[in-house]
């Protein structure tokens, strides 16, 4: 248990940041899943809309330290290839 005032504050900050990171990670997973679902359906228009919503969310995750840059870039590249291959 944190005894000093500063240690208690650090515990509060850590809990708050962990919650924010959890929310961001969840949002990223959701938008990626939306794109993948649209691809499986074969709906190019829906996939493009979902992709345009997904890309900035992934890059924001990179900025916030949730994802590594190459991981996000790889995900964007693979999904964009799949979206572009839809008829």
PDB file of N, CA and C in Angstrom:
ATOM      1  N   UNK A   1       0.851  -1.188   0.000  1.00  0.00           N
ATOM      2  CA  UNK A   1       0.000   0.000   0.000  1.00  0.00           C
ATOM      3  C   UNK A   1       0.885   1.236   0.000  1.00  0.00           C
ATOM      4  N   UNK A   2       0.515   2.204  -0.822  1.00  0.00           N
ATOM      5  CA  UNK A   2       1.274   3.449  -0.902  1.00  0.00           C
ATOM      6  C   UNK A   2       1.009   4.285   0.341  1.00  0.00           C
ATOM      7  N   UNK A   3       2.079   4.686   1.008  1.00  0.00           N
ATOM      8  CA  UNK A   3       1.925   5.429   2.256  1.00  0.00           C
ATOM      9  C   UNK A   3       2.108   6.930   2.090  1.00  0.00           C
ATOM     10  N   UNK A   4       3.040   7.331   1.252  1.00  0.00           N
ATOM     11  CA  UNK A   4       3.271   8.769   1.114  1.00  0.00           C
ATOM     12  C   UNK A   4       2.238   9.370   0.163  1.00  0.00           C
ATOM     13  N   UNK A   5       2.078  10.668   0.255  1.00  0.00           N
ATOM     14  CA  UNK A   5       1.112  11.377  -0.593  1.00  0.00           C
ATOM     15  C   UNK A   5       1.481  11.217  -2.064  1.00  0.00           C
ATOM     16  N   UNK A   6       2.762  11.362  -2.368  1.00  0.00           N
ATOM     17  CA  UNK A   6       3.188  11.261  -3.767  1.00  0.00           C
ATOM     18  C   UNK A   6       2.992   9.841  -4.305  1.00  0.00           C
ATOM     19  N   UNK A   7       3.200   8.839  -3.451  1.00  0.00           N
ATOM     20  CA  UNK A   7       2.998   7.455  -3.890  1.00  0.00           C
ATOM     21  C   UNK A   7       1.519   7.191  -4.159  1.00  0.00           C
ATOM     22  N   UNK A   8       0.633   7.745  -3.328  1.00  0.00           N
ATOM     23  CA  UNK A   8      -0.809   7.591  -3.562  1.00  0.00           C
ATOM     24  C   UNK A   8      -1.209   8.251  -4.876  1.00  0.00           C
ATOM     25  N   UNK A   9      -0.622   9.418  -5.123  1.00  0.00           N
ATOM     26  CA  UNK A   9      -0.921  10.124  -6.369  1.00  0.00           C
ATOM     27  C   UNK A   9      -0.459   9.296  -7.574  1.00  0.00           C
ATOM     28  N   UNK A  10       0.718   8.687  -7.467  1.00  0.00           N
ATOM     29  CA  UNK A  10       1.225   7.869  -8.566  1.00  0.00           C
ATOM     30  C   UNK A  10       0.293   6.673  -8.829  1.00  0.00           C
ATOM     31  N   UNK A  11      -0.255   6.103  -7.774  1.00  0.00           N
ATOM     32  CA  UNK A  11      -1.200   4.992  -7.930  1.00  0.00           C
ATOM     33  C   UNK A  11      -2.439   5.471  -8.678  1.00  0.00           C
ATOM     34  N   UNK A  12      -2.959   6.642  -8.293  1.00  0.00           N
ATOM     35  CA  UNK A  12      -4.140   7.198  -8.981  1.00  0.00           C
ATOM     36  C   UNK A  12      -3.832   7.453 -10.454  1.00  0.00           C
ATOM     37  N   UNK A  13      -2.669   8.037 -10.723  1.00  0.00           N
ATOM     38  CA  UNK A  13      -2.301   8.341 -12.103  1.00  0.00           C
ATOM     39  C   UNK A  13      -2.168   7.061 -12.931  1.00  0.00           C
ATOM     40  N   UNK A  14      -1.554   6.047 -12.335  1.00  0.00           N
ATOM     41  CA  UNK A  14      -1.367   4.782 -13.039  1.00  0.00           C
ATOM     42  C   UNK A  14      -2.706   4.144 -13.380  1.00  0.00           C
ATOM     43  N   UNK A  15      -3.636   4.154 -12.423  1.00  0.00           N
ATOM     44  CA  UNK A  15      -4.963   3.582 -12.673  1.00  0.00           C
ATOM     45  C   UNK A  15      -5.687   4.334 -13.784  1.00  0.00           C
ATOM     46  N   UNK A  16      -5.591   5.654 -13.760  1.00  0.00           N
ATOM     47  CA  UNK A  16      -6.250   6.479 -14.772  1.00  0.00           C
ATOM     48  C   UNK A  16      -5.659   6.212 -16.157  1.00  0.00           C
ATOM     49  N   UNK A  17      -4.341   6.168 -16.239  1.00  0.00           N
ATOM     50  CA  UNK A  17      -3.677   5.940 -17.526  1.00  0.00           C
ATOM     51  C   UNK A  17      -3.946   4.537 -18.049  1.00  0.00           C
ATOM     52  N   UNK A  18      -3.984   3.563 -17.149  1.00  0.00           N
ATOM     53  CA  UNK A  18      -4.278   2.187 -17.570  1.00  0.00           C
ATOM     54  C   UNK A  18      -5.686   2.100 -18.152  1.00  0.00           C
ATOM     55  N   UNK A  19      -6.633   2.797 -17.541  1.00  0.00           N
ATOM     56  CA  UNK A  19      -8.010   2.804 -18.045  1.00  0.00           C
ATOM     57  C   UNK A  19      -8.077   3.465 -19.420  1.00  0.00           C
ATOM     58  N   UNK A  20      -7.356   4.568 -19.597  1.00  0.00           N
ATOM     59  CA  UNK A  20      -7.340   5.250 -20.888  1.00  0.00           C
ATOM     60  C   UNK A  20      -6.738   4.352 -21.964  1.00  0.00           C
ATOM     61  N   UNK A  21      -5.628   3.682 -21.620  1.00  0.00           N
ATOM     62  CA  UNK A  21      -4.994   2.783 -22.581  1.00  0.00           C
ATOM     63  C   UNK A  21      -5.911   1.621 -22.942  1.00  0.00           C
ATOM     64  N   UNK A  22      -6.625   1.098 -21.957  1.00  0.00           N
ATOM     65  CA  UNK A  22      -7.552  -0.006 -22.195  1.00  0.00           C
ATOM     66  C   UNK A  22      -8.665   0.444 -23.149  1.00  0.00           C
ATOM     67  N   UNK A  23      -9.188   1.647 -22.937  1.00  0.00           N
ATOM     68  CA  UNK A  23     -10.238   2.178 -23.808  1.00  0.00           C
ATOM     69  C   UNK A  23      -9.727   2.388 -25.229  1.00  0.00           C
ATOM     70  N   UNK A  24      -8.530   2.941 -25.349  1.00  0.00           N
ATOM     71  CA  UNK A  24      -7.956   3.183 -26.680  1.00  0.00           C
ATOM     72  C   UNK A  24      -7.724   1.867 -27.413  1.00  0.00           C
ATOM     73  N   UNK A  25      -7.177   0.886 -26.702  1.00  0.00           N
ATOM     74  CA  UNK A  25      -6.910  -0.418 -27.312  1.00  0.00           C
ATOM     75  C   UNK A  25      -8.217  -1.067 -27.765  1.00  0.00           C
ATOM     76  N   UNK A  26      -9.250  -0.932 -26.964  1.00  0.00           N
ATOM     77  CA  UNK A  26     -10.551  -1.489 -27.312  1.00  0.00           C
ATOM     78  C   UNK A  26     -11.115  -0.800 -28.553  1.00  0.00           C
ATOM     79  N   UNK A  27     -10.990   0.517 -28.612  1.00  0.00           N
ATOM     80  CA  UNK A  27     -11.489   1.272 -29.765  1.00  0.00           C
ATOM     81  C   UNK A  27     -10.757   0.847 -31.040  1.00  0.00           C
ATOM     82  N   UNK A  28      -9.444   0.646 -30.929  1.00  0.00           N
ATOM     83  CA  UNK A  28      -8.655   0.221 -32.084  1.00  0.00           C
ATOM     84  C   UNK A  28      -9.123  -1.149 -32.562  1.00  0.00           C
ATOM     85  N   UNK A  29      -9.293  -2.080 -31.626  1.00  0.00           N
ATOM     86  CA  UNK A  29      -9.747  -3.427 -32.001  1.00  0.00           C
ATOM     87  C   UNK A  29     -11.119  -3.374 -32.670  1.00  0.00           C
ATOM     88  N   UNK A  30     -11.989  -2.509 -32.178  1.00  0.00           N
ATOM     89  CA  UNK A  30     -13.340  -2.400 -32.726  1.00  0.00           C
ATOM     90  C   UNK A  30     -13.314  -1.892 -34.162  1.00  0.00           C
ATOM     91  N   UNK A  31     -12.543  -0.840 -34.436  1.00  0.00           N
ATOM     92  CA  UNK A  31     -12.531  -0.295 -35.796  1.00  0.00           C
ATOM     93  C   UNK A  31     -11.870  -1.266 -36.770  1.00  0.00           C
ATOM     94  N   UNK A  32     -10.856  -1.998 -36.315  1.00  0.00           N
ATOM     95  CA  UNK A  32     -10.227  -3.007 -37.176  1.00  0.00           C
ATOM     96  C   UNK A  32     -11.234  -4.114 -37.479  1.00  0.00           C
ATOM     97  N   UNK A  33     -11.980  -4.525 -36.465  1.00  0.00           N
ATOM     98  CA  UNK A  33     -12.985  -5.572 -36.649  1.00  0.00           C
ATOM     99  C   UNK A  33     -14.068  -5.112 -37.625  1.00  0.00           C
ATOM    100  N   UNK A  34     -14.442  -3.832 -37.573  1.00  0.00           N
ATOM    101  CA  UNK A  34     -15.452  -3.303 -38.494  1.00  0.00           C
ATOM    102  C   UNK A  34     -14.988  -3.419 -39.945  1.00  0.00           C
ATOM    103  N   UNK A  35     -13.713  -3.095 -40.184  1.00  0.00           N
ATOM    104  CA  UNK A  35     -13.165  -3.197 -41.541  1.00  0.00           C
ATOM    105  C   UNK A  35     -13.147  -4.658 -41.980  1.00  0.00           C
ATOM    106  N   UNK A  36     -12.665  -5.533 -41.112  1.00  0.00           N
ATOM    107  CA  UNK A  36     -12.580  -6.952 -41.460  1.00  0.00           C
ATOM    108  C   UNK A  36     -13.962  -7.537 -41.742  1.00  0.00           C
ATOM    109  N   UNK A  37     -14.956  -7.121 -40.981  1.00  0.00           N
ATOM    110  CA  UNK A  37     -16.319  -7.605 -41.188  1.00  0.00           C
ATOM    111  C   UNK A  37     -16.866  -7.137 -42.539  1.00  0.00           C
ATOM    112  N   UNK A  38     -16.609  -5.885 -42.891  1.00  0.00           N
ATOM    113  CA  UNK A  38     -17.066  -5.360 -44.180  1.00  0.00           C
ATOM    114  C   UNK A  38     -16.374  -6.087 -45.333  1.00  0.00           C
ATOM    115  N   UNK A  39     -15.107  -6.454 -45.140  1.00  0.00           N
ATOM    116  CA  UNK A  39     -14.378  -7.192 -46.176  1.00  0.00           C
ATOM    117  C   UNK A  39     -14.985  -8.579 -46.359  1.00  0.00           C
ATOM    118  N   UNK A  40     -15.293  -9.243 -45.250  1.00  0.00           N
ATOM    119  CA  UNK A  40     -15.891 -10.581 -45.318  1.00  0.00           C
ATOM    120  C   UNK A  40     -17.248 -10.528 -46.015  1.00  0.00           C
ATOM    121  N   UNK A  41     -18.017  -9.469 -45.740  1.00  0.00           N
ATOM    122  CA  UNK A  41     -19.318  -9.307 -46.396  1.00  0.00           C
ATOM    123  C   UNK A  41     -19.152  -9.044 -47.886  1.00  0.00           C
ATOM    124  N   UNK A  42     -18.003  -8.497 -48.284  1.00  0.00           N
ATOM    125  CA  UNK A  42     -17.771  -8.160 -49.675  1.00  0.00           C
ATOM    126  C   UNK A  42     -18.328  -6.801 -50.054  1.00  0.00           C
ATOM    127  N   UNK A  43     -18.628  -5.986 -49.074  1.00  0.00           N
ATOM    128  CA  UNK A  43     -19.210  -4.666 -49.301  1.00  0.00           C
ATOM    129  C   UNK A  43     -18.087  -3.629 -49.379  1.00  0.00           C
ATOM    130  N   UNK A  44     -17.716  -3.242 -50.602  1.00  0.00           N
ATOM    131  CA  UNK A  44     -16.579  -2.335 -50.778  1.00  0.00           C
ATOM    132  C   UNK A  44     -16.858  -0.944 -50.213  1.00  0.00           C
ATOM    133  N   UNK A  45     -18.057  -0.420 -50.430  1.00  0.00           N
ATOM    134  CA  UNK A  45     -18.379   0.926 -49.950  1.00  0.00           C
ATOM    135  C   UNK A  45     -18.300   0.987 -48.426  1.00  0.00           C
ATOM    136  N   UNK A  46     -18.879  -0.005 -47.777  1.00  0.00           N
ATOM    137  CA  UNK A  46     -18.845  -0.054 -46.313  1.00  0.00           C
ATOM    138  C   UNK A  46     -17.410  -0.243 -45.813  1.00  0.00           C
ATOM    139  N   UNK A  47     -16.645  -1.065 -46.525  1.00  0.00           N
ATOM    140  CA  UNK A  47     -15.254  -1.318 -46.138  1.00  0.00           C
ATOM    141  C   UNK A  47     -14.415  -0.046 -46.258  1.00  0.00           C
ATOM    142  N   UNK A  48     -14.647   0.727 -47.306  1.00  0.00           N
ATOM    143  CA  UNK A  48     -13.882   1.968 -47.484  1.00  0.00           C
ATOM    144  C   UNK A  48     -14.201   2.975 -46.388  1.00  0.00           C
ATOM    145  N   UNK A  49     -15.471   3.087 -46.036  1.00  0.00           N
ATOM    146  CA  UNK A  49     -15.866   4.007 -44.964  1.00  0.00           C
ATOM    147  C   UNK A  49     -15.235   3.571 -43.644  1.00  0.00           C
ATOM    148  N   UNK A  50     -15.306   2.275 -43.357  1.00  0.00           N
ATOM    149  CA  UNK A  50     -14.728   1.755 -42.116  1.00  0.00           C
ATOM    150  C   UNK A  50     -13.212   1.919 -42.113  1.00  0.00           C
ATOM    151  N   UNK A  51     -12.591   1.736 -43.275  1.00  0.00           N
ATOM    152  CA  UNK A  51     -11.131   1.876 -43.376  1.00  0.00           C
ATOM    153  C   UNK A  51     -10.709   3.318 -43.101  1.00  0.00           C
ATOM    154  N   UNK A  52     -11.475   4.269 -43.638  1.00  0.00           N
ATOM    155  CA  UNK A  52     -11.149   5.681 -43.417  1.00  0.00           C
ATOM    156  C   UNK A  52     -11.302   6.070 -41.954  1.00  0.00           C
ATOM    157  N   UNK A  53     -12.175   5.387 -41.233  1.00  0.00           N
ATOM    158  CA  UNK A  53     -12.313   5.630 -39.795  1.00  0.00           C
ATOM    159  C   UNK A  53     -11.215   4.917 -39.015  1.00  0.00           C
ATOM    160  N   UNK A  54     -10.741   3.789 -39.549  1.00  0.00           N
ATOM    161  CA  UNK A  54      -9.761   2.972 -38.839  1.00  0.00           C
ATOM    162  C   UNK A  54      -8.360   3.563 -38.872  1.00  0.00           C
ATOM    163  N   UNK A  55      -7.949   4.057 -40.034  1.00  0.00           N
ATOM    164  CA  UNK A  55      -6.553   4.485 -40.194  1.00  0.00           C
ATOM    165  C   UNK A  55      -6.129   5.562 -39.196  1.00  0.00           C
ATOM    166  N   UNK A  56      -6.884   6.652 -39.026  1.00  0.00           N
ATOM    167  CA  UNK A  56      -6.454   7.646 -38.034  1.00  0.00           C
ATOM    168  C   UNK A  56      -6.474   7.110 -36.603  1.00  0.00           C
ATOM    169  N   UNK A  57      -7.386   6.185 -36.331  1.00  0.00           N
ATOM    170  CA  UNK A  57      -7.453   5.600 -34.989  1.00  0.00           C
ATOM    171  C   UNK A  57      -6.194   4.786 -34.701  1.00  0.00           C
ATOM    172  N   UNK A  58      -5.735   4.030 -35.696  1.00  0.00           N
ATOM    173  CA  UNK A  58      -4.496   3.266 -35.521  1.00  0.00           C
ATOM    174  C   UNK A  58      -3.300   4.193 -35.332  1.00  0.00           C
ATOM    175  N   UNK A  59      -3.225   5.234 -36.132  1.00  0.00           N
ATOM    176  CA  UNK A  59      -2.082   6.143 -36.032  1.00  0.00           C
ATOM    177  C   UNK A  59      -2.108   6.916 -34.712  1.00  0.00           C
ATOM    178  N   UNK A  60      -3.293   7.197 -34.213  1.00  0.00           N
ATOM    179  CA  UNK A  60      -3.407   7.828 -32.903  1.00  0.00           C
ATOM    180  C   UNK A  60      -2.904   6.871 -31.823  1.00  0.00           C
ATOM    181  N   UNK A  61      -3.166   5.591 -32.015  1.00  0.00           N
ATOM    182  CA  UNK A  61      -2.654   4.581 -31.095  1.00  0.00           C
ATOM    183  C   UNK A  61      -1.138   4.545 -31.090  1.00  0.00           C
ATOM    184  N   UNK A  62      -0.528   4.781 -32.240  1.00  0.00           N
ATOM    185  CA  UNK A  62       0.938   4.852 -32.322  1.00  0.00           C
ATOM    186  C   UNK A  62       1.434   6.057 -31.540  1.00  0.00           C
ATOM    187  N   UNK A  63       0.792   7.193 -31.742  1.00  0.00           N
ATOM    188  CA  UNK A  63       1.187   8.421 -31.055  1.00  0.00           C
ATOM    189  C   UNK A  63       1.076   8.275 -29.547  1.00  0.00           C
ATOM    190  N   UNK A  64       0.036   7.582 -29.100  1.00  0.00           N
ATOM    191  CA  UNK A  64      -0.200   7.427 -27.664  1.00  0.00           C
ATOM    192  C   UNK A  64       0.571   6.258 -27.060  1.00  0.00           C
ATOM    193  N   UNK A  65       1.291   5.504 -27.884  1.00  0.00           N
ATOM    194  CA  UNK A  65       2.112   4.418 -27.364  1.00  0.00           C
ATOM    195  C   UNK A  65       1.376   3.105 -27.180  1.00  0.00           C
ATOM    196  N   UNK A  66       0.207   2.967 -27.783  1.00  0.00           N
ATOM    197  CA  UNK A  66      -0.560   1.731 -27.665  1.00  0.00           C
ATOM    198  C   UNK A  66      -0.031   0.686 -28.641  1.00  0.00           C
ATOM    199  N   UNK A  67       0.322   1.129 -29.837  1.00  0.00           N
ATOM    200  CA  UNK A  67       0.855   0.252 -30.877  1.00  0.00           C
ATOM    201  C   UNK A  67       2.226   0.743 -31.308  1.00  0.00           C
ATOM    202  N   UNK A  68       3.023  -0.181 -31.844  1.00  0.00           N
ATOM    203  CA  UNK A  68       4.275   0.230 -32.466  1.00  0.00           C
ATOM    204  C   UNK A  68       3.972   0.683 -33.890  1.00  0.00           C
ATOM    205  N   UNK A  69       4.831   1.552 -34.402  1.00  0.00           N
ATOM    206  CA  UNK A  69       4.589   2.157 -35.706  1.00  0.00           C
ATOM    207  C   UNK A  69       4.494   1.112 -36.817  1.00  0.00           C
ATOM    208  N   UNK A  70       5.417   0.169 -36.832  1.00  0.00           N
ATOM    209  CA  UNK A  70       5.404  -0.838 -37.896  1.00  0.00           C
ATOM    210  C   UNK A  70       4.197  -1.763 -37.796  1.00  0.00           C
ATOM    211  N   UNK A  71       3.748  -2.029 -36.594  1.00  0.00           N
ATOM    212  CA  UNK A  71       2.563  -2.870 -36.406  1.00  0.00           C
ATOM    213  C   UNK A  71       1.344  -2.198 -37.025  1.00  0.00           C
ATOM    214  N   UNK A  72       1.171  -0.920 -36.735  1.00  0.00           N
ATOM    215  CA  UNK A  72       0.033  -0.180 -37.287  1.00  0.00           C
ATOM    216  C   UNK A  72       0.147  -0.070 -38.804  1.00  0.00           C
ATOM    217  N   UNK A  73       1.339   0.213 -39.297  1.00  0.00           N
ATOM    218  CA  UNK A  73       1.538   0.338 -40.740  1.00  0.00           C
ATOM    219  C   UNK A  73       1.257  -0.976 -41.452  1.00  0.00           C
ATOM    220  N   UNK A  74       1.691  -2.074 -40.856  1.00  0.00           N
ATOM    221  CA  UNK A  74       1.452  -3.394 -41.440  1.00  0.00           C
ATOM    222  C   UNK A  74      -0.046  -3.693 -41.491  1.00  0.00           C
ATOM    223  N   UNK A  75      -0.747  -3.368 -40.420  1.00  0.00           N
ATOM    224  CA  UNK A  75      -2.191  -3.601 -40.354  1.00  0.00           C
ATOM    225  C   UNK A  75      -2.911  -2.770 -41.422  1.00  0.00           C
ATOM    226  N   UNK A  76      -2.525  -1.495 -41.545  1.00  0.00           N
ATOM    227  CA  UNK A  76      -3.133  -0.613 -42.547  1.00  0.00           C
ATOM    228  C   UNK A  76      -2.861  -1.141 -43.950  1.00  0.00           C
ATOM    229  N   UNK A  77      -1.622  -1.547 -44.197  1.00  0.00           N
ATOM    230  CA  UNK A  77      -1.242  -2.030 -45.520  1.00  0.00           C
ATOM    231  C   UNK A  77      -2.029  -3.277 -45.911  1.00  0.00           C
ATOM    232  N   UNK A  78      -2.108  -4.231 -44.999  1.00  0.00           N
ATOM    233  CA  UNK A  78      -2.799  -5.482 -45.311  1.00  0.00           C
ATOM    234  C   UNK A  78      -4.293  -5.270 -45.523  1.00  0.00           C
ATOM    235  N   UNK A  79      -4.889  -4.429 -44.684  1.00  0.00           N
ATOM    236  CA  UNK A  79      -6.324  -4.191 -44.833  1.00  0.00           C
ATOM    237  C   UNK A  79      -6.628  -3.360 -46.077  1.00  0.00           C
ATOM    238  N   UNK A  80      -5.758  -2.406 -46.409  1.00  0.00           N
ATOM    239  CA  UNK A  80      -6.005  -1.603 -47.612  1.00  0.00           C
ATOM    240  C   UNK A  80      -5.910  -2.473 -48.860  1.00  0.00           C
ATOM    241  N   UNK A  81      -4.988  -3.433 -48.857  1.00  0.00           N
ATOM    242  CA  UNK A  81      -4.885  -4.368 -49.979  1.00  0.00           C
ATOM    243  C   UNK A  81      -6.169  -5.172 -50.120  1.00  0.00           C
ATOM    244  N   UNK A  82      -6.705  -5.628 -49.002  1.00  0.00           N
ATOM    245  CA  UNK A  82      -7.943  -6.409 -49.042  1.00  0.00           C
ATOM    246  C   UNK A  82      -9.131  -5.561 -49.487  1.00  0.00           C
ATOM    247  N   UNK A  83      -9.195  -4.324 -49.009  1.00  0.00           N
ATOM    248  CA  UNK A  83     -10.297  -3.433 -49.408  1.00  0.00           C
ATOM    249  C   UNK A  83     -10.213  -3.144 -50.900  1.00  0.00           C
ATOM    250  N   UNK A  84      -9.008  -2.879 -51.397  1.00  0.00           N
ATOM    251  CA  UNK A  84      -8.844  -2.560 -52.814  1.00  0.00           C
ATOM    252  C   UNK A  84      -9.112  -3.757 -53.716  1.00  0.00           C
ATOM    253  N   UNK A  85      -8.984  -4.970 -53.182  1.00  0.00           N
ATOM    254  CA  UNK A  85      -9.226  -6.158 -54.001  1.00  0.00           C
ATOM    255  C   UNK A  85     -10.719  -6.470 -54.137  1.00  0.00           C
ATOM    256  N   UNK A  86     -11.558  -5.812 -53.336  1.00  0.00           N
ATOM    257  CA  UNK A  86     -13.003  -6.034 -53.446  1.00  0.00           C
ATOM    258  C   UNK A  86     -13.523  -5.434 -54.743  1.00  0.00           C
ATOM    259  N   UNK A  87     -14.549  -6.065 -55.291  1.00  0.00           N
ATOM    260  CA  UNK A  87     -15.112  -5.546 -56.546  1.00  0.00           C
ATOM    261  C   UNK A  87     -16.292  -4.654 -56.277  1.00  0.00           C
TER     262      UNK A  87
END
